[in-house]
Amino acid sequence: MKIAQYQASQAETVIELFANVFSDSEGADEGQVIARLVDDLITTTDSKDLIGFVATENEFVIGCIFFSRLVTANNANAFILSPVAINTENQGQGIGQKLILEGLSYLKATGVERVFSYGDPNYYNKVGFKQINDSIITAPFTLTYPEGWIAQTLNELEISKQDSVISCVDALNKQKYW
């Protein structure tokens, strides 16, 4: 397996991956919702505000993650990890964790200070994320699953109330994703 940064030439394959993975786990309607989200992220987000990583095996994309910029009240250099998809047949092999760790390492090397996500804390704790309180750091929208609001720092500074999230990129700026 190889991990590399996402390339624009992989757009169609990556969108299809997200559609298939989320259709398998959440149903066809959710697969289409997430496929549209990924398409929007790719087509509407400035390249400096979107970073993706893909896992390939025998030239086939088997996993993909995206990080997009968050704007905070104190102008911390922050991103959110969302979405993540690993080919259904390849799940449970640590591919998602490897992709996330590669992405976090890249972000840290480029000066990113904070990374947020919205997902299963039991899974994301394995790669350094911790639950955060929405009263300290406000998510861009009301959370359907407040326990899933998680973050980590990539420097020695603690996350504090001054980090309160103000906004995310346009593609994620919709209540239905929260």
C-alpha atoms as a PDB file:
ATOM      1  CA  MET A   1       0.000   0.000   0.000  1.00  0.00           C
ATOM      2  CA  LYS A   2       1.154   3.514  -0.844  1.00  0.00           C
ATOM      3  CA  ILE A   3       0.017   6.778   0.716  1.00  0.00           C
ATOM      4  CA  ALA A   4       0.334  10.008  -1.245  1.00  0.00           C
ATOM      5  CA  GLN A   5      -1.242  13.428  -1.461  1.00  0.00           C
ATOM      6  CA  TYR A   6      -4.498  13.595  -3.376  1.00  0.00           C
ATOM      7  CA  GLN A   7      -4.143  14.744  -6.995  1.00  0.00           C
ATOM      8  CA  ALA A   8      -6.894  16.463  -9.019  1.00  0.00           C
ATOM      9  CA  SER A   9      -6.662  13.678 -11.613  1.00  0.00           C
ATOM     10  CA  GLN A  10      -8.060  11.305  -8.950  1.00  0.00           C
ATOM     11  CA  ALA A  11     -11.279  13.290  -8.433  1.00  0.00           C
ATOM     12  CA  GLU A  12     -13.689  10.945 -10.204  1.00  0.00           C
ATOM     13  CA  THR A  13     -12.216   7.848  -8.549  1.00  0.00           C
ATOM     14  CA  VAL A  14     -12.245   9.448  -5.092  1.00  0.00           C
ATOM     15  CA  ILE A  15     -15.850  10.662  -5.430  1.00  0.00           C
ATOM     16  CA  GLU A  16     -16.884   7.151  -6.471  1.00  0.00           C
ATOM     17  CA  LEU A  17     -15.000   5.681  -3.484  1.00  0.00           C
ATOM     18  CA  PHE A  18     -16.901   7.905  -1.041  1.00  0.00           C
ATOM     19  CA  ALA A  19     -20.233   7.144  -2.745  1.00  0.00           C
ATOM     20  CA  ASN A  20     -19.638   3.389  -2.556  1.00  0.00           C
ATOM     21  CA  VAL A  21     -18.308   3.303   1.006  1.00  0.00           C
ATOM     22  CA  PHE A  22     -21.114   5.426   2.455  1.00  0.00           C
ATOM     23  CA  SER A  23     -23.762   3.603   0.385  1.00  0.00           C
ATOM     24  CA  ASP A  24     -22.499   0.295   1.788  1.00  0.00           C
ATOM     25  CA  SER A  25     -22.558   1.490   5.396  1.00  0.00           C
ATOM     26  CA  GLU A  26     -25.361   4.102   5.516  1.00  0.00           C
ATOM     27  CA  GLY A  27     -27.496   3.466   2.438  1.00  0.00           C
ATOM     28  CA  ALA A  28     -27.592   4.807  -1.127  1.00  0.00           C
ATOM     29  CA  ASP A  29     -29.024   8.213  -0.189  1.00  0.00           C
ATOM     30  CA  GLU A  30     -26.207   8.902   2.287  1.00  0.00           C
ATOM     31  CA  GLY A  31     -23.689   7.670  -0.283  1.00  0.00           C
ATOM     32  CA  GLN A  32     -24.917  10.329  -2.703  1.00  0.00           C
ATOM     33  CA  VAL A  33     -24.890  13.044  -0.012  1.00  0.00           C
ATOM     34  CA  ILE A  34     -21.261  12.327   0.859  1.00  0.00           C
ATOM     35  CA  ALA A  35     -20.282  12.005  -2.811  1.00  0.00           C
ATOM     36  CA  ARG A  36     -21.732  15.495  -3.404  1.00  0.00           C
ATOM     37  CA  LEU A  37     -19.848  16.804  -0.364  1.00  0.00           C
ATOM     38  CA  VAL A  38     -16.554  15.455  -1.724  1.00  0.00           C
ATOM     39  CA  ASP A  39     -17.317  16.846  -5.183  1.00  0.00           C
ATOM     40  CA  ASP A  40     -18.066  20.255  -3.611  1.00  0.00           C
ATOM     41  CA  LEU A  41     -14.894  20.135  -1.506  1.00  0.00           C
ATOM     42  CA  ILE A  42     -12.785  19.351  -4.559  1.00  0.00           C
ATOM     43  CA  THR A  43     -14.411  21.855  -6.925  1.00  0.00           C
ATOM     44  CA  THR A  44     -15.163  24.829  -4.664  1.00  0.00           C
ATOM     45  CA  THR A  45     -12.352  24.895  -2.093  1.00  0.00           C
ATOM     46  CA  ASP A  46      -9.186  26.880  -2.750  1.00  0.00           C
ATOM     47  CA  SER A  47      -6.192  24.548  -2.976  1.00  0.00           C
ATOM     48  CA  LYS A  48      -4.502  26.263  -0.010  1.00  0.00           C
ATOM     49  CA  ASP A  49      -7.558  25.375   2.100  1.00  0.00           C
ATOM     50  CA  LEU A  50      -7.894  21.679   1.135  1.00  0.00           C
ATOM     51  CA  ILE A  51      -5.414  18.863   1.631  1.00  0.00           C
ATOM     52  CA  GLY A  52      -6.183  15.261   0.795  1.00  0.00           C
ATOM     53  CA  PHE A  53      -4.379  11.947   1.057  1.00  0.00           C
ATOM     54  CA  VAL A  54      -5.062   8.693  -0.759  1.00  0.00           C
ATOM     55  CA  ALA A  55      -4.067   5.114  -0.087  1.00  0.00           C
ATOM     56  CA  THR A  56      -3.522   3.006  -3.167  1.00  0.00           C
ATOM     57  CA  GLU A  57      -2.901  -0.670  -3.690  1.00  0.00           C
ATOM     58  CA  ASN A  58      -1.933  -1.970  -7.118  1.00  0.00           C
ATOM     59  CA  GLU A  59      -2.790   1.472  -8.539  1.00  0.00           C
ATOM     60  CA  PHE A  60      -6.355   1.344  -7.130  1.00  0.00           C
ATOM     61  CA  VAL A  61      -7.514   3.999  -4.639  1.00  0.00           C
ATOM     62  CA  ILE A  62      -8.624   2.125  -1.517  1.00  0.00           C
ATOM     63  CA  GLY A  63      -8.847   5.037   0.914  1.00  0.00           C
ATOM     64  CA  CYS A  64      -9.017   8.810   1.043  1.00  0.00           C
ATOM     65  CA  ILE A  65      -9.168  11.586   3.627  1.00  0.00           C
ATOM     66  CA  PHE A  66      -9.566  15.336   3.341  1.00  0.00           C
ATOM     67  CA  PHE A  67      -8.581  18.169   5.655  1.00  0.00           C
ATOM     68  CA  SER A  68     -10.093  21.617   5.043  1.00  0.00           C
ATOM     69  CA  ARG A  69      -9.387  24.942   6.697  1.00  0.00           C
ATOM     70  CA  LEU A  70     -11.276  26.222   9.723  1.00  0.00           C
ATOM     71  CA  VAL A  71     -11.182  29.893  10.678  1.00  0.00           C
ATOM     72  CA  THR A  72     -10.911  30.488  14.437  1.00  0.00           C
ATOM     73  CA  ALA A  73     -11.430  33.608  16.540  1.00  0.00           C
ATOM     74  CA  ASN A  74      -7.726  33.808  17.391  1.00  0.00           C
ATOM     75  CA  ASN A  75      -6.610  32.976  13.828  1.00  0.00           C
ATOM     76  CA  ALA A  76      -5.038  29.667  14.817  1.00  0.00           C
ATOM     77  CA  ASN A  77      -3.871  27.693  11.804  1.00  0.00           C
ATOM     78  CA  ALA A  78      -6.616  25.052  11.978  1.00  0.00           C
ATOM     79  CA  PHE A  79      -8.102  22.350   9.757  1.00  0.00           C
ATOM     80  CA  ILE A  80     -10.917  19.828  10.055  1.00  0.00           C
ATOM     81  CA  LEU A  81     -10.572  16.188   9.068  1.00  0.00           C
ATOM     82  CA  SER A  82     -13.671  15.311   7.085  1.00  0.00           C
ATOM     83  CA  PRO A  83     -14.597  13.124   5.337  1.00  0.00           C
ATOM     84  CA  VAL A  84     -12.773   9.778   5.529  1.00  0.00           C
ATOM     85  CA  ALA A  85     -13.489   6.691   3.434  1.00  0.00           C
ATOM     86  CA  ILE A  86     -11.803   3.301   3.243  1.00  0.00           C
ATOM     87  CA  ASN A  87     -12.952   0.791   0.630  1.00  0.00           C
ATOM     88  CA  THR A  88     -15.384  -1.578   2.357  1.00  0.00           C
ATOM     89  CA  GLU A  89     -13.273  -4.676   1.578  1.00  0.00           C
ATOM     90  CA  ASN A  90     -10.174  -2.998   3.067  1.00  0.00           C
ATOM     91  CA  GLN A  91     -11.648  -1.738   6.337  1.00  0.00           C
ATOM     92  CA  GLY A  92     -10.224  -2.988   9.624  1.00  0.00           C
ATOM     93  CA  GLN A  93      -6.655  -3.133   8.309  1.00  0.00           C
ATOM     94  CA  GLY A  94      -5.396   0.140   9.802  1.00  0.00           C
ATOM     95  CA  ILE A  95      -5.475   2.010   6.477  1.00  0.00           C
ATOM     96  CA  GLY A  96      -7.578   4.859   7.860  1.00  0.00           C
ATOM     97  CA  GLN A  97      -5.245   5.330  10.802  1.00  0.00           C
ATOM     98  CA  LYS A  98      -2.209   5.344   8.509  1.00  0.00           C
ATOM     99  CA  LEU A  99      -3.829   7.959   6.261  1.00  0.00           C
ATOM    100  CA  ILE A 100      -4.764  10.134   9.235  1.00  0.00           C
ATOM    101  CA  LEU A 101      -1.305   9.903  10.803  1.00  0.00           C
ATOM    102  CA  GLU A 102       0.326  10.776   7.462  1.00  0.00           C
ATOM    103  CA  GLY A 103      -2.024  13.749   7.113  1.00  0.00           C
ATOM    104  CA  LEU A 104      -1.386  14.955  10.659  1.00  0.00           C
ATOM    105  CA  SER A 105       2.375  14.695  10.139  1.00  0.00           C
ATOM    106  CA  TYR A 106       2.102  16.735   6.941  1.00  0.00           C
ATOM    107  CA  LEU A 107      -0.080  19.370   8.595  1.00  0.00           C
ATOM    108  CA  LYS A 108       2.274  19.687  11.554  1.00  0.00           C
ATOM    109  CA  ALA A 109       5.247  20.123   9.209  1.00  0.00           C
ATOM    110  CA  THR A 110       3.395  22.946   7.429  1.00  0.00           C
ATOM    111  CA  GLY A 111       2.648  24.832  10.661  1.00  0.00           C
ATOM    112  CA  VAL A 112      -0.947  23.773  11.318  1.00  0.00           C
ATOM    113  CA  GLU A 113      -1.694  24.160  15.029  1.00  0.00           C
ATOM    114  CA  ARG A 114      -5.103  22.533  15.515  1.00  0.00           C
ATOM    115  CA  VAL A 115      -7.005  19.719  13.833  1.00  0.00           C
ATOM    116  CA  PHE A 116     -10.676  19.081  14.511  1.00  0.00           C
ATOM    117  CA  SER A 117     -13.002  16.315  13.393  1.00  0.00           C
ATOM    118  CA  TYR A 118     -16.542  15.140  13.921  1.00  0.00           C
ATOM    119  CA  GLY A 119     -16.803  11.396  14.297  1.00  0.00           C
ATOM    120  CA  ASP A 120     -16.547   8.378  16.563  1.00  0.00           C
ATOM    121  CA  PRO A 121     -14.287   9.351  19.493  1.00  0.00           C
ATOM    122  CA  ASN A 122     -13.409   5.686  20.115  1.00  0.00           C
ATOM    123  CA  TYR A 123     -11.885   5.461  16.640  1.00  0.00           C
ATOM    124  CA  TYR A 124     -10.226   8.876  16.505  1.00  0.00           C
ATOM    125  CA  ASN A 125      -8.721   8.560  20.012  1.00  0.00           C
ATOM    126  CA  LYS A 126      -6.367   5.983  18.454  1.00  0.00           C
ATOM    127  CA  VAL A 127      -4.753   8.769  16.404  1.00  0.00           C
ATOM    128  CA  GLY A 128      -4.593  11.440  19.112  1.00  0.00           C
ATOM    129  CA  PHE A 129      -7.984  13.147  18.979  1.00  0.00           C
ATOM    130  CA  LYS A 130      -9.779  13.973  22.225  1.00  0.00           C
ATOM    131  CA  GLN A 131     -13.360  14.987  22.857  1.00  0.00           C
ATOM    132  CA  ILE A 132     -13.811  18.710  23.259  1.00  0.00           C
ATOM    133  CA  ASN A 133     -16.607  20.629  24.866  1.00  0.00           C
ATOM    134  CA  ASP A 134     -18.734  22.705  22.509  1.00  0.00           C
ATOM    135  CA  SER A 135     -18.910  25.402  25.196  1.00  0.00           C
ATOM    136  CA  ILE A 136     -15.139  25.882  24.862  1.00  0.00           C
ATOM    137  CA  ILE A 137     -14.848  25.457  21.110  1.00  0.00           C
ATOM    138  CA  THR A 138     -18.063  26.026  19.229  1.00  0.00           C
ATOM    139  CA  ALA A 139     -18.620  23.878  16.159  1.00  0.00           C
ATOM    140  CA  PRO A 140     -19.708  25.727  13.018  1.00  0.00           C
ATOM    141  CA  PHE A 141     -23.245  24.290  13.410  1.00  0.00           C
ATOM    142  CA  THR A 142     -25.360  22.605  16.079  1.00  0.00           C
ATOM    143  CA  LEU A 143     -24.063  19.071  16.509  1.00  0.00           C
ATOM    144  CA  THR A 144     -26.384  16.103  16.088  1.00  0.00           C
ATOM    145  CA  TYR A 145     -23.852  13.933  17.948  1.00  0.00           C
ATOM    146  CA  PRO A 146     -22.036  16.277  20.415  1.00  0.00           C
ATOM    147  CA  GLU A 147     -19.798  13.453  21.685  1.00  0.00           C
ATOM    148  CA  GLY A 148     -18.253  13.323  18.226  1.00  0.00           C
ATOM    149  CA  TRP A 149     -16.755  16.848  18.385  1.00  0.00           C
ATOM    150  CA  ILE A 150     -13.030  16.104  18.744  1.00  0.00           C
ATOM    151  CA  ALA A 151      -9.698  17.846  18.274  1.00  0.00           C
ATOM    152  CA  GLN A 152      -5.977  17.718  18.832  1.00  0.00           C
ATOM    153  CA  THR A 153      -3.138  20.179  18.888  1.00  0.00           C
ATOM    154  CA  LEU A 154      -0.081  19.772  16.699  1.00  0.00           C
ATOM    155  CA  ASN A 155       2.013  22.024  18.907  1.00  0.00           C
ATOM    156  CA  GLU A 156       2.521  22.255  22.653  1.00  0.00           C
ATOM    157  CA  LEU A 157      -0.286  24.772  23.234  1.00  0.00           C
ATOM    158  CA  GLU A 158      -3.569  23.602  24.710  1.00  0.00           C
ATOM    159  CA  ILE A 159      -6.855  24.228  22.953  1.00  0.00           C
ATOM    160  CA  SER A 160      -8.628  27.064  24.712  1.00  0.00           C
ATOM    161  CA  LYS A 161     -11.780  29.146  24.536  1.00  0.00           C
ATOM    162  CA  GLN A 162      -9.941  31.662  22.287  1.00  0.00           C
ATOM    163  CA  ASP A 163      -9.930  28.989  19.579  1.00  0.00           C
ATOM    164  CA  SER A 164     -13.727  29.119  19.253  1.00  0.00           C
ATOM    165  CA  VAL A 165     -14.467  28.033  15.707  1.00  0.00           C
ATOM    166  CA  ILE A 166     -16.070  30.670  13.535  1.00  0.00           C
ATOM    167  CA  SER A 167     -16.374  29.040  10.122  1.00  0.00           C
ATOM    168  CA  CYS A 168     -15.473  26.217   7.787  1.00  0.00           C
ATOM    169  CA  VAL A 169     -15.084  26.038   4.018  1.00  0.00           C
ATOM    170  CA  ASP A 170     -18.246  26.506   1.934  1.00  0.00           C
ATOM    171  CA  ALA A 171     -18.638  22.809   1.086  1.00  0.00           C
ATOM    172  CA  LEU A 172     -18.936  21.896   4.791  1.00  0.00           C
ATOM    173  CA  ASN A 173     -20.900  25.021   5.677  1.00  0.00           C
ATOM    174  CA  LYS A 174     -24.253  23.207   5.803  1.00  0.00           C
ATOM    175  CA  GLN A 175     -26.155  22.013   8.885  1.00  0.00           C
ATOM    176  CA  LYS A 176     -26.828  18.577   7.304  1.00  0.00           C
ATOM    177  CA  TYR A 177     -23.172  17.597   7.767  1.00  0.00           C
ATOM    178  CA  TRP A 178     -23.209  18.405  11.475  1.00  0.00           C
END
